[in-house]
Amino acid sequence: MPIYYTNRALCHLKLKQWQSALQDCRLALEVDSSLVKAHFFAGQAQLELKMYDEAIMSLMQGNSGFGCLVTRGTPVWKTWKSQEIPHSTGKGQGKSGKI
């Protein structure tokens, strides 16, 4: 049953119906407070509604239930930032100039 609410919340987010999305997330969380999707979608809706403190809390709660966002104690965005991204010339060629 809570999955129905999170799926509908995603539809509301895509339609930019922030309040309806938030309401569905709250309904889902009443049934199962550990739903990562519900916390994440609620955070997105709260950001759009300029409910910044609530958004931070929702996103942090979602993050705590989603262990892969932290790898060996390092947040994923720091891991990604440290990885080297191959340079492209914009013409389908890499650094070597070969296709």
C-alpha atoms as a PDB file:
ATOM      1  CA  MET A   1       0.000   0.000   0.000  1.00  0.00           C
ATOM      2  CA  PRO A   2       2.716   2.626   0.772  1.00  0.00           C
ATOM      3  CA  ILE A   3       4.317   1.969  -2.620  1.00  0.00           C
ATOM      4  CA  TYR A   4       1.117   3.235  -4.225  1.00  0.00           C
ATOM      5  CA  TYR A   5       1.580   6.536  -2.413  1.00  0.00           C
ATOM      6  CA  THR A   6       5.257   6.899  -3.340  1.00  0.00           C
ATOM      7  CA  ASN A   7       4.539   6.113  -6.989  1.00  0.00           C
ATOM      8  CA  ARG A   8       1.749   8.682  -7.031  1.00  0.00           C
ATOM      9  CA  ALA A   9       4.016  11.162  -5.250  1.00  0.00           C
ATOM     10  CA  LEU A  10       6.508  10.784  -8.093  1.00  0.00           C
ATOM     11  CA  CYS A  11       3.730  11.543 -10.589  1.00  0.00           C
ATOM     12  CA  HIS A  12       2.839  14.668  -8.606  1.00  0.00           C
ATOM     13  CA  LEU A  13       6.495  15.731  -8.597  1.00  0.00           C
ATOM     14  CA  LYS A  14       6.713  15.354 -12.371  1.00  0.00           C
ATOM     15  CA  LEU A  15       3.551  17.480 -12.681  1.00  0.00           C
ATOM     16  CA  LYS A  16       5.033  20.058 -10.267  1.00  0.00           C
ATOM     17  CA  GLN A  17       2.197  19.474  -7.807  1.00  0.00           C
ATOM     18  CA  TRP A  18       4.442  19.889  -4.785  1.00  0.00           C
ATOM     19  CA  GLN A  19       1.783  19.911  -2.052  1.00  0.00           C
ATOM     20  CA  SER A  20       0.084  16.767  -3.383  1.00  0.00           C
ATOM     21  CA  ALA A  21       3.445  14.999  -3.638  1.00  0.00           C
ATOM     22  CA  LEU A  22       4.252  15.891  -0.058  1.00  0.00           C
ATOM     23  CA  GLN A  23       0.860  14.694   1.145  1.00  0.00           C
ATOM     24  CA  ASP A  24       1.328  11.301  -0.538  1.00  0.00           C
ATOM     25  CA  CYS A  25       4.802  10.966   0.955  1.00  0.00           C
ATOM     26  CA  ARG A  26       3.420  11.638   4.410  1.00  0.00           C
ATOM     27  CA  LEU A  27       0.719   8.992   3.891  1.00  0.00           C
ATOM     28  CA  ALA A  28       3.354   6.462   2.808  1.00  0.00           C
ATOM     29  CA  LEU A  29       5.550   7.283   5.804  1.00  0.00           C
ATOM     30  CA  GLU A  30       2.629   6.784   8.184  1.00  0.00           C
ATOM     31  CA  VAL A  31       2.485   3.176   6.993  1.00  0.00           C
ATOM     32  CA  ASP A  32       6.253   2.566   6.759  1.00  0.00           C
ATOM     33  CA  SER A  33       8.605   5.223   8.129  1.00  0.00           C
ATOM     34  CA  SER A  34      11.664   3.499   6.629  1.00  0.00           C
ATOM     35  CA  LEU A  35      10.744   4.119   2.977  1.00  0.00           C
ATOM     36  CA  VAL A  36      13.729   5.836   1.384  1.00  0.00           C
ATOM     37  CA  LYS A  37      11.716   6.891  -1.686  1.00  0.00           C
ATOM     38  CA  ALA A  38       9.115   8.613   0.475  1.00  0.00           C
ATOM     39  CA  HIS A  39      11.751  10.590   2.390  1.00  0.00           C
ATOM     40  CA  PHE A  40      13.562  11.518  -0.815  1.00  0.00           C
ATOM     41  CA  PHE A  41      10.408  12.595  -2.674  1.00  0.00           C
ATOM     42  CA  ALA A  42       9.206  14.519   0.387  1.00  0.00           C
ATOM     43  CA  GLY A  43      12.544  16.328   0.471  1.00  0.00           C
ATOM     44  CA  GLN A  44      12.225  17.266  -3.190  1.00  0.00           C
ATOM     45  CA  ALA A  45       8.699  18.608  -2.694  1.00  0.00           C
ATOM     46  CA  GLN A  46       9.745  20.518   0.427  1.00  0.00           C
ATOM     47  CA  LEU A  47      12.632  22.128  -1.443  1.00  0.00           C
ATOM     48  CA  GLU A  48      10.235  23.343  -4.131  1.00  0.00           C
ATOM     49  CA  LEU A  49       7.879  24.642  -1.429  1.00  0.00           C
ATOM     50  CA  LYS A  50      10.827  26.489   0.141  1.00  0.00           C
ATOM     51  CA  MET A  51      10.506  24.408   3.319  1.00  0.00           C
ATOM     52  CA  TYR A  52      14.276  24.146   3.568  1.00  0.00           C
ATOM     53  CA  ASP A  53      14.690  22.908   7.149  1.00  0.00           C
ATOM     54  CA  GLU A  54      12.081  20.186   6.625  1.00  0.00           C
ATOM     55  CA  ALA A  55      13.678  19.238   3.295  1.00  0.00           C
ATOM     56  CA  ILE A  56      17.062  18.774   4.952  1.00  0.00           C
ATOM     57  CA  MET A  57      15.514  16.551   7.604  1.00  0.00           C
ATOM     58  CA  SER A  58      13.622  14.450   5.045  1.00  0.00           C
ATOM     59  CA  LEU A  59      16.675  14.017   2.858  1.00  0.00           C
ATOM     60  CA  MET A  60      18.862  13.132   5.834  1.00  0.00           C
ATOM     61  CA  GLN A  61      16.336  10.534   6.997  1.00  0.00           C
ATOM     62  CA  GLY A  62      16.241   9.085   3.502  1.00  0.00           C
ATOM     63  CA  ASN A  63      20.025   9.057   3.370  1.00  0.00           C
ATOM     64  CA  SER A  64      20.305   7.217   6.682  1.00  0.00           C
ATOM     65  CA  GLY A  65      18.200   4.385   5.270  1.00  0.00           C
ATOM     66  CA  PHE A  66      20.190   4.181   2.053  1.00  0.00           C
ATOM     67  CA  GLY A  67      23.615   2.906   2.992  1.00  0.00           C
ATOM     68  CA  CYS A  68      25.210   3.095  -0.446  1.00  0.00           C
ATOM     69  CA  LEU A  69      25.256   6.907  -0.331  1.00  0.00           C
ATOM     70  CA  VAL A  70      28.235   6.544   1.987  1.00  0.00           C
ATOM     71  CA  THR A  71      31.177   4.371   1.009  1.00  0.00           C
ATOM     72  CA  ARG A  72      33.731   3.557   3.723  1.00  0.00           C
ATOM     73  CA  GLY A  73      32.719   6.646   5.683  1.00  0.00           C
ATOM     74  CA  THR A  74      33.077   8.962   2.683  1.00  0.00           C
ATOM     75  CA  PRO A  75      29.967  10.529   1.135  1.00  0.00           C
ATOM     76  CA  VAL A  76      29.474   9.411  -2.454  1.00  0.00           C
ATOM     77  CA  TRP A  77      29.632  12.932  -3.905  1.00  0.00           C
ATOM     78  CA  LYS A  78      33.165  13.301  -2.520  1.00  0.00           C
ATOM     79  CA  THR A  79      34.111   9.937  -4.033  1.00  0.00           C
ATOM     80  CA  TRP A  80      32.715  10.965  -7.416  1.00  0.00           C
ATOM     81  CA  LYS A  81      34.415  14.349  -7.242  1.00  0.00           C
ATOM     82  CA  SER A  82      37.802  12.714  -6.688  1.00  0.00           C
ATOM     83  CA  GLN A  83      37.478  10.399  -9.696  1.00  0.00           C
ATOM     84  CA  GLU A  84      39.159  11.533 -12.863  1.00  0.00           C
ATOM     85  CA  ILE A  85      36.795  12.153 -15.765  1.00  0.00           C
ATOM     86  CA  PRO A  86      38.253  11.512 -19.248  1.00  0.00           C
ATOM     87  CA  HIS A  87      38.725  14.654 -21.301  1.00  0.00           C
ATOM     88  CA  SER A  88      36.813  14.938 -24.569  1.00  0.00           C
ATOM     89  CA  THR A  89      37.443  17.338 -27.431  1.00  0.00           C
ATOM     90  CA  GLY A  90      33.733  17.429 -28.254  1.00  0.00           C
ATOM     91  CA  LYS A  91      34.300  15.746 -31.618  1.00  0.00           C
ATOM     92  CA  GLY A  92      33.967  12.151 -30.459  1.00  0.00           C
ATOM     93  CA  GLN A  93      37.695  11.955 -29.815  1.00  0.00           C
ATOM     94  CA  GLY A  94      39.533  11.329 -26.569  1.00  0.00           C
ATOM     95  CA  LYS A  95      42.863  12.790 -25.397  1.00  0.00           C
ATOM     96  CA  SER A  96      44.829  10.889 -28.001  1.00  0.00           C
ATOM     97  CA  GLY A  97      42.826  12.394 -30.850  1.00  0.00           C
ATOM     98  CA  LYS A  98      41.900   8.953 -32.154  1.00  0.00           C
ATOM     99  CA  ILE A  99      38.315   7.901 -32.731  1.00  0.00           C
END
